């Protein structure tokens, strides 16, 4: 169960192109997401919250369980690095904006698994 939660956070904000994708964010636009606080869902079930720091740190919760790691931009993709047990995992993917939402990580049917929106940290 813990590995599943950690993997969910790993893919958070990591996306591949899908049919419902909005505008793909550039490297500069991805970098500008930090500092920022984001809330949303994974697979329309799990509650997510993420805080991205400009120094490359990322932290947040998946259904209330805390996780942390690093983020960086590579070739126009957001990359997340998290430690799972003794292994370090890196996942990279494109980010798309659809209105006020950041969406991505599409399933085989082209539906986004991740939906995030920015919120003020004071409201979180």
PDB file of N, CA and C in Angstrom:
ATOM      1  N   UNK A   1       0.827  -1.198   0.000  1.00  0.00           N
ATOM      2  CA  UNK A   1       0.000   0.000   0.000  1.00  0.00           C
ATOM      3  C   UNK A   1       0.868   1.257   0.000  1.00  0.00           C
ATOM      4  N   UNK A   2       1.896   1.286   0.843  1.00  0.00           N
ATOM      5  CA  UNK A   2       2.762   2.467   0.912  1.00  0.00           C
ATOM      6  C   UNK A   2       3.460   2.697  -0.419  1.00  0.00           C
ATOM      7  N   UNK A   3       3.886   1.617  -1.068  1.00  0.00           N
ATOM      8  CA  UNK A   3       4.560   1.757  -2.360  1.00  0.00           C
ATOM      9  C   UNK A   3       3.589   2.324  -3.386  1.00  0.00           C
ATOM     10  N   UNK A   4       2.342   1.895  -3.335  1.00  0.00           N
ATOM     11  CA  UNK A   4       1.339   2.412  -4.262  1.00  0.00           C
ATOM     12  C   UNK A   4       1.117   3.912  -4.064  1.00  0.00           C
ATOM     13  N   UNK A   5       1.081   4.326  -2.824  1.00  0.00           N
ATOM     14  CA  UNK A   5       0.908   5.746  -2.531  1.00  0.00           C
ATOM     15  C   UNK A   5       2.116   6.530  -3.009  1.00  0.00           C
ATOM     16  N   UNK A   6       3.302   6.014  -2.740  1.00  0.00           N
ATOM     17  CA  UNK A   6       4.525   6.696  -3.170  1.00  0.00           C
ATOM     18  C   UNK A   6       4.579   6.762  -4.692  1.00  0.00           C
ATOM     19  N   UNK A   7       4.231   5.678  -5.354  1.00  0.00           N
ATOM     20  CA  UNK A   7       4.225   5.691  -6.816  1.00  0.00           C
ATOM     21  C   UNK A   7       3.223   6.703  -7.357  1.00  0.00           C
ATOM     22  N   UNK A   8       2.098   6.840  -6.678  1.00  0.00           N
ATOM     23  CA  UNK A   8       1.121   7.843  -7.093  1.00  0.00           C
ATOM     24  C   UNK A   8       1.726   9.229  -7.033  1.00  0.00           C
ATOM     25  N   UNK A   9       2.470   9.498  -5.983  1.00  0.00           N
ATOM     26  CA  UNK A   9       3.116  10.795  -5.862  1.00  0.00           C
ATOM     27  C   UNK A   9       4.221  10.957  -6.882  1.00  0.00           C
ATOM     28  N   UNK A  10       4.897   9.854  -7.195  1.00  0.00           N
ATOM     29  CA  UNK A  10       5.956   9.910  -8.211  1.00  0.00           C
ATOM     30  C   UNK A  10       5.445  10.421  -9.537  1.00  0.00           C
ATOM     31  N   UNK A  11       4.304   9.952  -9.917  1.00  0.00           N
ATOM     32  CA  UNK A  11       3.790  10.332 -11.216  1.00  0.00           C
ATOM     33  C   UNK A  11       3.005  11.630 -11.168  1.00  0.00           C
ATOM     34  N   UNK A  12       2.820  12.166  -9.966  1.00  0.00           N
ATOM     35  CA  UNK A  12       2.111  13.426  -9.837  1.00  0.00           C
ATOM     36  C   UNK A  12       2.803  14.498 -10.645  1.00  0.00           C
ATOM     37  N   UNK A  13       2.055  15.145 -11.475  1.00  0.00           N
ATOM     38  CA  UNK A  13       2.526  16.173 -12.398  1.00  0.00           C
ATOM     39  C   UNK A  13       3.360  15.630 -13.537  1.00  0.00           C
ATOM     40  N   UNK A  14       3.667  14.340 -13.539  1.00  0.00           N
ATOM     41  CA  UNK A  14       4.379  13.739 -14.665  1.00  0.00           C
ATOM     42  C   UNK A  14       3.334  13.206 -15.625  1.00  0.00           C
ATOM     43  N   UNK A  15       3.399  13.638 -16.829  1.00  0.00           N
ATOM     44  CA  UNK A  15       2.345  13.278 -17.761  1.00  0.00           C
ATOM     45  C   UNK A  15       2.902  12.874 -19.110  1.00  0.00           C
ATOM     46  N   UNK A  16       2.096  12.168 -19.846  1.00  0.00           N
ATOM     47  CA  UNK A  16       2.380  11.913 -21.245  1.00  0.00           C
ATOM     48  C   UNK A  16       1.231  12.518 -22.040  1.00  0.00           C
ATOM     49  N   UNK A  17       1.438  12.795 -23.306  1.00  0.00           N
ATOM     50  CA  UNK A  17       0.452  13.498 -24.110  1.00  0.00           C
ATOM     51  C   UNK A  17      -0.794  12.655 -24.283  1.00  0.00           C
ATOM     52  N   UNK A  18      -1.956  13.263 -24.148  1.00  0.00           N
ATOM     53  CA  UNK A  18      -3.223  12.566 -24.300  1.00  0.00           C
ATOM     54  C   UNK A  18      -4.202  13.379 -25.119  1.00  0.00           C
ATOM     55  N   UNK A  19      -5.281  12.754 -25.517  1.00  0.00           N
ATOM     56  CA  UNK A  19      -6.244  13.387 -26.401  1.00  0.00           C
ATOM     57  C   UNK A  19      -6.924  14.598 -25.770  1.00  0.00           C
ATOM     58  N   UNK A  20      -7.105  14.617 -24.450  1.00  0.00           N
ATOM     59  CA  UNK A  20      -7.798  15.718 -23.798  1.00  0.00           C
ATOM     60  C   UNK A  20      -6.844  16.800 -23.300  1.00  0.00           C
ATOM     61  N   UNK A  21      -5.599  16.702 -23.633  1.00  0.00           N
ATOM     62  CA  UNK A  21      -4.617  17.653 -23.129  1.00  0.00           C
ATOM     63  C   UNK A  21      -4.887  19.043 -23.662  1.00  0.00           C
ATOM     64  N   UNK A  22      -4.625  20.021 -22.796  1.00  0.00           N
ATOM     65  CA  UNK A  22      -4.690  21.416 -23.216  1.00  0.00           C
ATOM     66  C   UNK A  22      -3.326  21.835 -23.718  1.00  0.00           C
ATOM     67  N   UNK A  23      -2.975  23.083 -23.448  1.00  0.00           N
ATOM     68  CA  UNK A  23      -1.692  23.625 -23.881  1.00  0.00           C
ATOM     69  C   UNK A  23      -0.546  22.981 -23.103  1.00  0.00           C
ATOM     70  N   UNK A  24       0.441  22.481 -23.837  1.00  0.00           N
ATOM     71  CA  UNK A  24       1.623  21.907 -23.185  1.00  0.00           C
ATOM     72  C   UNK A  24       2.499  23.055 -22.666  1.00  0.00           C
ATOM     73  N   UNK A  25       2.948  22.930 -21.430  1.00  0.00           N
ATOM     74  CA  UNK A  25       3.792  23.955 -20.842  1.00  0.00           C
ATOM     75  C   UNK A  25       5.229  23.811 -21.317  1.00  0.00           C
ATOM     76  N   UNK A  26       5.880  24.957 -21.516  1.00  0.00           N
ATOM     77  CA  UNK A  26       7.293  24.977 -21.901  1.00  0.00           C
ATOM     78  C   UNK A  26       8.161  24.762 -20.662  1.00  0.00           C
ATOM     79  N   UNK A  27       9.452  24.596 -20.877  1.00  0.00           N
ATOM     80  CA  UNK A  27      10.385  24.461 -19.749  1.00  0.00           C
ATOM     81  C   UNK A  27      10.296  25.662 -18.822  1.00  0.00           C
ATOM     82  N   UNK A  28      10.246  26.864 -19.394  1.00  0.00           N
ATOM     83  CA  UNK A  28      10.170  28.086 -18.582  1.00  0.00           C
ATOM     84  C   UNK A  28       8.862  28.135 -17.795  1.00  0.00           C
ATOM     85  N   UNK A  29       7.761  27.720 -18.402  1.00  0.00           N
ATOM     86  CA  UNK A  29       6.475  27.718 -17.700  1.00  0.00           C
ATOM     87  C   UNK A  29       6.455  26.688 -16.575  1.00  0.00           C
ATOM     88  N   UNK A  30       7.079  25.536 -16.790  1.00  0.00           N
ATOM     89  CA  UNK A  30       7.162  24.525 -15.731  1.00  0.00           C
ATOM     90  C   UNK A  30       7.992  25.065 -14.571  1.00  0.00           C
ATOM     91  N   UNK A  31       9.136  25.680 -14.884  1.00  0.00           N
ATOM     92  CA  UNK A  31       9.983  26.252 -13.832  1.00  0.00           C
ATOM     93  C   UNK A  31       9.234  27.320 -13.039  1.00  0.00           C
ATOM     94  N   UNK A  32       8.369  28.070 -13.706  1.00  0.00           N
ATOM     95  CA  UNK A  32       7.615  29.139 -13.046  1.00  0.00           C
ATOM     96  C   UNK A  32       6.522  28.613 -12.118  1.00  0.00           C
ATOM     97  N   UNK A  33       6.264  27.316 -12.115  1.00  0.00           N
ATOM     98  CA  UNK A  33       5.287  26.740 -11.191  1.00  0.00           C
ATOM     99  C   UNK A  33       5.775  26.815  -9.745  1.00  0.00           C
ATOM    100  N   UNK A  34       7.072  26.995  -9.562  1.00  0.00           N
ATOM    101  CA  UNK A  34       7.643  27.089  -8.219  1.00  0.00           C
ATOM    102  C   UNK A  34       8.080  28.525  -7.960  1.00  0.00           C
ATOM    103  N   UNK A  35       7.852  29.063  -6.789  1.00  0.00           N
ATOM    104  CA  UNK A  35       7.200  28.382  -5.672  1.00  0.00           C
ATOM    105  C   UNK A  35       5.698  28.292  -5.921  1.00  0.00           C
ATOM    106  N   UNK A  36       5.112  27.223  -5.452  1.00  0.00           N
ATOM    107  CA  UNK A  36       3.681  27.068  -5.613  1.00  0.00           C
ATOM    108  C   UNK A  36       3.124  25.935  -4.782  1.00  0.00           C
ATOM    109  N   UNK A  37       1.847  26.060  -4.475  1.00  0.00           N
ATOM    110  CA  UNK A  37       1.125  25.041  -3.720  1.00  0.00           C
ATOM    111  C   UNK A  37      -0.054  24.595  -4.573  1.00  0.00           C
ATOM    112  N   UNK A  38      -0.229  23.280  -4.726  1.00  0.00           N
ATOM    113  CA  UNK A  38      -1.222  22.722  -5.629  1.00  0.00           C
ATOM    114  C   UNK A  38      -2.034  21.642  -4.929  1.00  0.00           C
ATOM    115  N   UNK A  39      -3.326  21.596  -5.229  1.00  0.00           N
ATOM    116  CA  UNK A  39      -4.195  20.547  -4.708  1.00  0.00           C
ATOM    117  C   UNK A  39      -4.929  19.919  -5.880  1.00  0.00           C
ATOM    118  N   UNK A  40      -5.352  18.679  -5.697  1.00  0.00           N
ATOM    119  CA  UNK A  40      -6.079  18.006  -6.763  1.00  0.00           C
ATOM    120  C   UNK A  40      -6.319  16.557  -6.449  1.00  0.00           C
ATOM    121  N   UNK A  41      -6.465  15.787  -7.517  1.00  0.00           N
ATOM    122  CA  UNK A  41      -6.770  14.372  -7.353  1.00  0.00           C
ATOM    123  C   UNK A  41      -5.909  13.507  -8.256  1.00  0.00           C
ATOM    124  N   UNK A  42      -5.746  12.266  -7.837  1.00  0.00           N
ATOM    125  CA  UNK A  42      -5.110  11.217  -8.621  1.00  0.00           C
ATOM    126  C   UNK A  42      -6.196  10.202  -8.913  1.00  0.00           C
ATOM    127  N   UNK A  43      -6.460   9.947 -10.180  1.00  0.00           N
ATOM    128  CA  UNK A  43      -7.495   9.016 -10.627  1.00  0.00           C
ATOM    129  C   UNK A  43      -8.874   9.385 -10.076  1.00  0.00           C
ATOM    130  N   UNK A  44      -9.103  10.665  -9.869  1.00  0.00           N
ATOM    131  CA  UNK A  44     -10.375  11.164  -9.328  1.00  0.00           C
ATOM    132  C   UNK A  44     -10.749  10.533  -7.990  1.00  0.00           C
ATOM    133  N   UNK A  45      -9.769   9.962  -7.277  1.00  0.00           N
ATOM    134  CA  UNK A  45     -10.053   9.307  -5.999  1.00  0.00           C
ATOM    135  C   UNK A  45      -9.171   9.833  -4.879  1.00  0.00           C
ATOM    136  N   UNK A  46      -7.886   9.800  -5.084  1.00  0.00           N
ATOM    137  CA  UNK A  46      -6.939  10.169  -4.023  1.00  0.00           C
ATOM    138  C   UNK A  46      -6.743  11.675  -3.983  1.00  0.00           C
ATOM    139  N   UNK A  47      -6.769  12.218  -2.788  1.00  0.00           N
ATOM    140  CA  UNK A  47      -6.557  13.654  -2.598  1.00  0.00           C
ATOM    141  C   UNK A  47      -5.065  13.950  -2.545  1.00  0.00           C
ATOM    142  N   UNK A  48      -4.634  14.919  -3.347  1.00  0.00           N
ATOM    143  CA  UNK A  48      -3.225  15.285  -3.427  1.00  0.00           C
ATOM    144  C   UNK A  48      -3.023  16.726  -3.013  1.00  0.00           C
ATOM    145  N   UNK A  49      -1.881  16.984  -2.425  1.00  0.00           N
ATOM    146  CA  UNK A  49      -1.432  18.358  -2.213  1.00  0.00           C
ATOM    147  C   UNK A  49       0.078  18.361  -2.400  1.00  0.00           C
ATOM    148  N   UNK A  50       0.580  19.370  -3.117  1.00  0.00           N
ATOM    149  CA  UNK A  50       2.008  19.463  -3.404  1.00  0.00           C
ATOM    150  C   UNK A  50       2.503  20.878  -3.181  1.00  0.00           C
ATOM    151  N   UNK A  51       3.704  20.980  -2.664  1.00  0.00           N
ATOM    152  CA  UNK A  51       4.371  22.269  -2.529  1.00  0.00           C
ATOM    153  C   UNK A  51       5.699  22.160  -3.270  1.00  0.00           C
ATOM    154  N   UNK A  52       5.853  22.997  -4.309  1.00  0.00           N
ATOM    155  CA  UNK A  52       7.088  23.018  -5.101  1.00  0.00           C
ATOM    156  C   UNK A  52       7.913  24.227  -4.681  1.00  0.00           C
ATOM    157  N   UNK A  53       9.179  24.003  -4.372  1.00  0.00           N
ATOM    158  CA  UNK A  53      10.087  25.075  -3.978  1.00  0.00           C
ATOM    159  C   UNK A  53      11.023  25.402  -5.145  1.00  0.00           C
ATOM    160  N   UNK A  54      11.446  26.672  -5.275  1.00  0.00           N
ATOM    161  CA  UNK A  54      12.345  27.048  -6.373  1.00  0.00           C
ATOM    162  C   UNK A  54      13.698  26.336  -6.336  1.00  0.00           C
ATOM    163  N   UNK A  55      14.108  25.858  -5.155  1.00  0.00           N
ATOM    164  CA  UNK A  55      15.404  25.178  -5.035  1.00  0.00           C
ATOM    165  C   UNK A  55      15.345  23.711  -5.458  1.00  0.00           C
ATOM    166  N   UNK A  56      14.191  23.257  -5.984  1.00  0.00           N
ATOM    167  CA  UNK A  56      14.071  21.888  -6.475  1.00  0.00           C
ATOM    168  C   UNK A  56      13.465  20.911  -5.490  1.00  0.00           C
ATOM    169  N   UNK A  57      13.085  21.375  -4.320  1.00  0.00           N
ATOM    170  CA  UNK A  57      12.423  20.475  -3.365  1.00  0.00           C
ATOM    171  C   UNK A  57      10.929  20.406  -3.674  1.00  0.00           C
ATOM    172  N   UNK A  58      10.343  19.233  -3.444  1.00  0.00           N
ATOM    173  CA  UNK A  58       8.902  19.062  -3.580  1.00  0.00           C
ATOM    174  C   UNK A  58       8.445  18.221  -2.398  1.00  0.00           C
ATOM    175  N   UNK A  59       7.303  18.561  -1.849  1.00  0.00           N
ATOM    176  CA  UNK A  59       6.752  17.795  -0.732  1.00  0.00           C
ATOM    177  C   UNK A  59       5.239  17.880  -0.808  1.00  0.00           C
ATOM    178  N   UNK A  60       4.589  16.938  -0.154  1.00  0.00           N
ATOM    179  CA  UNK A  60       3.135  16.964  -0.158  1.00  0.00           C
ATOM    180  C   UNK A  60       2.546  15.695   0.412  1.00  0.00           C
ATOM    181  N   UNK A  61       1.242  15.574   0.246  1.00  0.00           N
ATOM    182  CA  UNK A  61       0.535  14.424   0.787  1.00  0.00           C
ATOM    183  C   UNK A  61      -0.291  13.738  -0.293  1.00  0.00           C
ATOM    184  N   UNK A  62      -0.443  12.441  -0.121  1.00  0.00           N
ATOM    185  CA  UNK A  62      -1.354  11.623  -0.913  1.00  0.00           C
ATOM    186  C   UNK A  62      -2.297  11.002   0.093  1.00  0.00           C
ATOM    187  N   UNK A  63      -3.565  11.388   0.032  1.00  0.00           N
ATOM    188  CA  UNK A  63      -4.548  10.941   1.026  1.00  0.00           C
ATOM    189  C   UNK A  63      -4.034  11.134   2.447  1.00  0.00           C
ATOM    190  N   UNK A  64      -3.385  12.256   2.687  1.00  0.00           N
ATOM    191  CA  UNK A  64      -2.930  12.612   4.025  1.00  0.00           C
ATOM    192  C   UNK A  64      -1.574  12.081   4.427  1.00  0.00           C
ATOM    193  N   UNK A  65      -0.962  11.216   3.637  1.00  0.00           N
ATOM    194  CA  UNK A  65       0.354  10.664   3.971  1.00  0.00           C
ATOM    195  C   UNK A  65       1.448  11.504   3.318  1.00  0.00           C
ATOM    196  N   UNK A  66       2.415  11.967   4.122  1.00  0.00           N
ATOM    197  CA  UNK A  66       3.455  12.888   3.670  1.00  0.00           C
ATOM    198  C   UNK A  66       4.545  12.177   2.865  1.00  0.00           C
ATOM    199  N   UNK A  67       5.009  12.858   1.793  1.00  0.00           N
ATOM    200  CA  UNK A  67       6.119  12.396   0.965  1.00  0.00           C
ATOM    201  C   UNK A  67       6.929  13.607   0.532  1.00  0.00           C
ATOM    202  N   UNK A  68       8.210  13.398   0.229  1.00  0.00           N
ATOM    203  CA  UNK A  68       9.040  14.497  -0.262  1.00  0.00           C
ATOM    204  C   UNK A  68      10.056  13.970  -1.265  1.00  0.00           C
ATOM    205  N   UNK A  69      10.612  14.893  -2.032  1.00  0.00           N
ATOM    206  CA  UNK A  69      11.592  14.523  -3.047  1.00  0.00           C
ATOM    207  C   UNK A  69      12.154  15.765  -3.709  1.00  0.00           C
ATOM    208  N   UNK A  70      12.585  15.614  -4.967  1.00  0.00           N
ATOM    209  CA  UNK A  70      13.144  16.716  -5.737  1.00  0.00           C
ATOM    210  C   UNK A  70      12.427  16.809  -7.081  1.00  0.00           C
ATOM    211  N   UNK A  71      12.484  18.000  -7.689  1.00  0.00           N
ATOM    212  CA  UNK A  71      11.950  18.182  -9.031  1.00  0.00           C
ATOM    213  C   UNK A  71      12.958  18.973  -9.852  1.00  0.00           C
ATOM    214  N   UNK A  72      12.902  18.774 -11.163  1.00  0.00           N
ATOM    215  CA  UNK A  72      13.703  19.561 -12.095  1.00  0.00           C
ATOM    216  C   UNK A  72      13.053  19.466 -13.476  1.00  0.00           C
ATOM    217  N   UNK A  73      13.487  20.332 -14.390  1.00  0.00           N
ATOM    218  CA  UNK A  73      12.961  20.346 -15.754  1.00  0.00           C
ATOM    219  C   UNK A  73      14.037  19.813 -16.693  1.00  0.00           C
ATOM    220  N   UNK A  74      13.665  18.900 -17.578  1.00  0.00           N
ATOM    221  CA  UNK A  74      14.588  18.333 -18.551  1.00  0.00           C
ATOM    222  C   UNK A  74      13.867  18.162 -19.881  1.00  0.00           C
ATOM    223  N   UNK A  75      14.394  18.784 -20.927  1.00  0.00           N
ATOM    224  CA  UNK A  75      13.828  18.658 -22.285  1.00  0.00           C
ATOM    225  C   UNK A  75      12.331  18.973 -22.324  1.00  0.00           C
ATOM    226  N   UNK A  76      11.913  19.990 -21.613  1.00  0.00           N
ATOM    227  CA  UNK A  76      10.509  20.388 -21.627  1.00  0.00           C
ATOM    228  C   UNK A  76       9.597  19.526 -20.788  1.00  0.00           C
ATOM    229  N   UNK A  77      10.163  18.661 -19.968  1.00  0.00           N
ATOM    230  CA  UNK A  77       9.386  17.773 -19.107  1.00  0.00           C
ATOM    231  C   UNK A  77       9.684  18.049 -17.643  1.00  0.00           C
ATOM    232  N   UNK A  78       8.685  17.856 -16.797  1.00  0.00           N
ATOM    233  CA  UNK A  78       8.878  17.925 -15.362  1.00  0.00           C
ATOM    234  C   UNK A  78       9.347  16.565 -14.886  1.00  0.00           C
ATOM    235  N   UNK A  79      10.452  16.538 -14.162  1.00  0.00           N
ATOM    236  CA  UNK A  79      10.983  15.292 -13.623  1.00  0.00           C
ATOM    237  C   UNK A  79      10.870  15.329 -12.109  1.00  0.00           C
ATOM    238  N   UNK A  80      10.406  14.236 -11.531  1.00  0.00           N
ATOM    239  CA  UNK A  80      10.283  14.084 -10.088  1.00  0.00           C
ATOM    240  C   UNK A  80      11.175  12.950  -9.631  1.00  0.00           C
ATOM    241  N   UNK A  81      11.857  13.165  -8.532  1.00  0.00           N
ATOM    242  CA  UNK A  81      12.751  12.160  -7.965  1.00  0.00           C
ATOM    243  C   UNK A  81      12.294  11.876  -6.535  1.00  0.00           C
ATOM    244  N   UNK A  82      11.987  10.618  -6.257  1.00  0.00           N
ATOM    245  CA  UNK A  82      11.575  10.193  -4.925  1.00  0.00           C
ATOM    246  C   UNK A  82      12.298   8.912  -4.559  1.00  0.00           C
ATOM    247  N   UNK A  83      12.508   8.728  -3.286  1.00  0.00           N
ATOM    248  CA  UNK A  83      13.112   7.503  -2.777  1.00  0.00           C
ATOM    249  C   UNK A  83      11.987   6.563  -2.340  1.00  0.00           C
ATOM    250  N   UNK A  84      12.030   5.342  -2.872  1.00  0.00           N
ATOM    251  CA  UNK A  84      11.099   4.292  -2.481  1.00  0.00           C
ATOM    252  C   UNK A  84      11.933   3.200  -1.835  1.00  0.00           C
ATOM    253  N   UNK A  85      11.764   3.067  -0.539  1.00  0.00           N
ATOM    254  CA  UNK A  85      12.599   2.179   0.268  1.00  0.00           C
ATOM    255  C   UNK A  85      14.055   2.596   0.071  1.00  0.00           C
ATOM    256  N   UNK A  86      14.885   1.754  -0.531  1.00  0.00           N
ATOM    257  CA  UNK A  86      16.291   2.123  -0.744  1.00  0.00           C
ATOM    258  C   UNK A  86      16.563   2.536  -2.186  1.00  0.00           C
ATOM    259  N   UNK A  87      15.544   2.529  -3.033  1.00  0.00           N
ATOM    260  CA  UNK A  87      15.721   2.845  -4.439  1.00  0.00           C
ATOM    261  C   UNK A  87      15.282   4.275  -4.729  1.00  0.00           C
ATOM    262  N   UNK A  88      16.031   4.957  -5.581  1.00  0.00           N
ATOM    263  CA  UNK A  88      15.653   6.297  -6.007  1.00  0.00           C
ATOM    264  C   UNK A  88      15.018   6.195  -7.388  1.00  0.00           C
ATOM    265  N   UNK A  89      13.815   6.720  -7.525  1.00  0.00           N
ATOM    266  CA  UNK A  89      13.058   6.647  -8.778  1.00  0.00           C
ATOM    267  C   UNK A  89      12.910   8.037  -9.374  1.00  0.00           C
ATOM    268  N   UNK A  90      13.077   8.147 -10.683  1.00  0.00           N
ATOM    269  CA  UNK A  90      12.872   9.401 -11.398  1.00  0.00           C
ATOM    270  C   UNK A  90      11.830   9.171 -12.482  1.00  0.00           C
ATOM    271  N   UNK A  91      10.836  10.039 -12.518  1.00  0.00           N
ATOM    272  CA  UNK A  91       9.794   9.997 -13.542  1.00  0.00           C
ATOM    273  C   UNK A  91       9.720  11.367 -14.188  1.00  0.00           C
ATOM    274  N   UNK A  92       9.710  11.411 -15.516  1.00  0.00           N
ATOM    275  CA  UNK A  92       9.635  12.675 -16.256  1.00  0.00           C
ATOM    276  C   UNK A  92       8.445  12.640 -17.205  1.00  0.00           C
ATOM    277  N   UNK A  93       7.830  13.789 -17.414  1.00  0.00           N
ATOM    278  CA  UNK A  93       6.723  13.861 -18.355  1.00  0.00           C
ATOM    279  C   UNK A  93       6.305  15.286 -18.625  1.00  0.00           C
ATOM    280  N   UNK A  94       5.512  15.465 -19.666  1.00  0.00           N
ATOM    281  CA  UNK A  94       5.006  16.782 -20.060  1.00  0.00           C
ATOM    282  C   UNK A  94       3.900  17.212 -19.110  1.00  0.00           C
ATOM    283  N   UNK A  95       3.714  18.529 -19.023  1.00  0.00           N
ATOM    284  CA  UNK A  95       2.633  19.108 -18.232  1.00  0.00           C
ATOM    285  C   UNK A  95       1.742  19.890 -19.187  1.00  0.00           C
ATOM    286  N   UNK A  96       0.438  19.762 -19.032  1.00  0.00           N
ATOM    287  CA  UNK A  96      -0.514  20.479 -19.866  1.00  0.00           C
ATOM    288  C   UNK A  96      -1.421  21.332 -18.991  1.00  0.00           C
ATOM    289  N   UNK A  97      -1.795  22.496 -19.512  1.00  0.00           N
ATOM    290  CA  UNK A  97      -2.734  23.364 -18.807  1.00  0.00           C
ATOM    291  C   UNK A  97      -4.062  23.335 -19.544  1.00  0.00           C
ATOM    292  N   UNK A  98      -5.124  23.117 -18.761  1.00  0.00           N
ATOM    293  CA  UNK A  98      -6.478  23.131 -19.305  1.00  0.00           C
ATOM    294  C   UNK A  98      -7.289  24.056 -18.391  1.00  0.00           C
ATOM    295  N   UNK A  99      -7.441  25.304 -18.825  1.00  0.00           N
ATOM    296  CA  UNK A  99      -8.062  26.302 -17.954  1.00  0.00           C
ATOM    297  C   UNK A  99      -7.172  26.546 -16.754  1.00  0.00           C
ATOM    298  N   UNK A 100      -7.723  26.448 -15.560  1.00  0.00           N
ATOM    299  CA  UNK A 100      -6.911  26.650 -14.353  1.00  0.00           C
ATOM    300  C   UNK A 100      -6.259  25.365 -13.855  1.00  0.00           C
ATOM    301  N   UNK A 101      -6.497  24.283 -14.549  1.00  0.00           N
ATOM    302  CA  UNK A 101      -5.998  22.978 -14.122  1.00  0.00           C
ATOM    303  C   UNK A 101      -4.698  22.605 -14.823  1.00  0.00           C
ATOM    304  N   UNK A 102      -3.833  21.909 -14.091  1.00  0.00           N
ATOM    305  CA  UNK A 102      -2.678  21.213 -14.654  1.00  0.00           C
ATOM    306  C   UNK A 102      -3.100  19.760 -14.727  1.00  0.00           C
ATOM    307  N   UNK A 103      -3.017  19.183 -15.906  1.00  0.00           N
ATOM    308  CA  UNK A 103      -3.503  17.814 -16.073  1.00  0.00           C
ATOM    309  C   UNK A 103      -2.417  16.958 -16.688  1.00  0.00           C
ATOM    310  N   UNK A 104      -2.585  15.653 -16.541  1.00  0.00           N
ATOM    311  CA  UNK A 104      -1.634  14.773 -17.181  1.00  0.00           C
ATOM    312  C   UNK A 104      -1.712  13.341 -16.737  1.00  0.00           C
ATOM    313  N   UNK A 105      -0.659  12.628 -17.081  1.00  0.00           N
ATOM    314  CA  UNK A 105      -0.516  11.196 -16.869  1.00  0.00           C
ATOM    315  C   UNK A 105      -1.781  10.473 -17.304  1.00  0.00           C
ATOM    316  N   UNK A 106      -1.886  10.325 -18.605  1.00  0.00           N
ATOM    317  CA  UNK A 106      -3.101   9.805 -19.219  1.00  0.00           C
ATOM    318  C   UNK A 106      -3.155   8.285 -19.222  1.00  0.00           C
ATOM    319  N   UNK A 107      -4.367   7.765 -19.034  1.00  0.00           N
ATOM    320  CA  UNK A 107      -4.546   6.320 -19.102  1.00  0.00           C
ATOM    321  C   UNK A 107      -4.669   5.896 -20.563  1.00  0.00           C
ATOM    322  N   UNK A 108      -4.876   4.624 -20.791  1.00  0.00           N
ATOM    323  CA  UNK A 108      -4.941   4.096 -22.159  1.00  0.00           C
ATOM    324  C   UNK A 108      -6.125   4.656 -22.946  1.00  0.00           C
ATOM    325  N   UNK A 109      -7.142   5.141 -22.246  1.00  0.00           N
ATOM    326  CA  UNK A 109      -8.308   5.725 -22.908  1.00  0.00           C
ATOM    327  C   UNK A 109      -8.135   7.223 -23.151  1.00  0.00           C
ATOM    328  N   UNK A 110      -6.976   7.768 -22.793  1.00  0.00           N
ATOM    329  CA  UNK A 110      -6.720   9.184 -23.016  1.00  0.00           C
ATOM    330  C   UNK A 110      -7.263  10.114 -21.954  1.00  0.00           C
ATOM    331  N   UNK A 111      -7.689   9.560 -20.825  1.00  0.00           N
ATOM    332  CA  UNK A 111      -8.210  10.377 -19.724  1.00  0.00           C
ATOM    333  C   UNK A 111      -7.079  10.709 -18.754  1.00  0.00           C
ATOM    334  N   UNK A 112      -7.033  11.964 -18.283  1.00  0.00           N
ATOM    335  CA  UNK A 112      -5.959  12.322 -17.342  1.00  0.00           C
ATOM    336  C   UNK A 112      -6.175  11.667 -15.985  1.00  0.00           C
ATOM    337  N   UNK A 113      -5.094  11.152 -15.425  1.00  0.00           N
ATOM    338  CA  UNK A 113      -5.139  10.576 -14.089  1.00  0.00           C
ATOM    339  C   UNK A 113      -4.901  11.644 -13.027  1.00  0.00           C
ATOM    340  N   UNK A 114      -4.224  12.711 -13.407  1.00  0.00           N
ATOM    341  CA  UNK A 114      -3.861  13.762 -12.457  1.00  0.00           C
ATOM    342  C   UNK A 114      -4.523  15.065 -12.849  1.00  0.00           C
ATOM    343  N   UNK A 115      -5.114  15.721 -11.854  1.00  0.00           N
ATOM    344  CA  UNK A 115      -5.685  17.061 -12.024  1.00  0.00           C
ATOM    345  C   UNK A 115      -5.262  17.878 -10.816  1.00  0.00           C
ATOM    346  N   UNK A 116      -4.564  18.980 -11.081  1.00  0.00           N
ATOM    347  CA  UNK A 116      -4.094  19.861 -10.014  1.00  0.00           C
ATOM    348  C   UNK A 116      -4.462  21.293 -10.330  1.00  0.00           C
ATOM    349  N   UNK A 117      -4.653  22.081  -9.289  1.00  0.00           N
ATOM    350  CA  UNK A 117      -4.838  23.512  -9.465  1.00  0.00           C
ATOM    351  C   UNK A 117      -4.065  24.234  -8.377  1.00  0.00           C
ATOM    352  N   UNK A 118      -3.585  25.417  -8.725  1.00  0.00           N
ATOM    353  CA  UNK A 118      -2.839  26.220  -7.776  1.00  0.00           C
ATOM    354  C   UNK A 118      -3.772  26.827  -6.746  1.00  0.00           C
ATOM    355  N   UNK A 119      -3.315  26.890  -5.503  1.00  0.00           N
ATOM    356  CA  UNK A 119      -4.050  27.556  -4.433  1.00  0.00           C
ATOM    357  C   UNK A 119      -3.072  28.400  -3.639  1.00  0.00           C
ATOM    358  N   UNK A 120      -3.588  29.375  -2.945  1.00  0.00           N
ATOM    359  CA  UNK A 120      -2.749  30.167  -2.055  1.00  0.00           C
ATOM    360  C   UNK A 120      -2.387  29.296  -0.856  1.00  0.00           C
ATOM    361  N   UNK A 121      -1.135  29.338  -0.446  1.00  0.00           N
ATOM    362  CA  UNK A 121      -0.683  28.518   0.673  1.00  0.00           C
ATOM    363  C   UNK A 121      -1.476  28.822   1.933  1.00  0.00           C
ATOM    364  N   UNK A 122      -1.923  30.062   2.103  1.00  0.00           N
ATOM    365  CA  UNK A 122      -2.685  30.427   3.303  1.00  0.00           C
ATOM    366  C   UNK A 122      -4.056  29.769   3.344  1.00  0.00           C
ATOM    367  N   UNK A 123      -4.566  29.330   2.183  1.00  0.00           N
ATOM    368  CA  UNK A 123      -5.879  28.679   2.127  1.00  0.00           C
ATOM    369  C   UNK A 123      -5.755  27.175   2.254  1.00  0.00           C
ATOM    370  N   UNK A 124      -4.529  26.675   2.251  1.00  0.00           N
ATOM    371  CA  UNK A 124      -4.328  25.224   2.273  1.00  0.00           C
ATOM    372  C   UNK A 124      -4.393  24.677   3.670  1.00  0.00           C
TER     373      UNK A 124
END
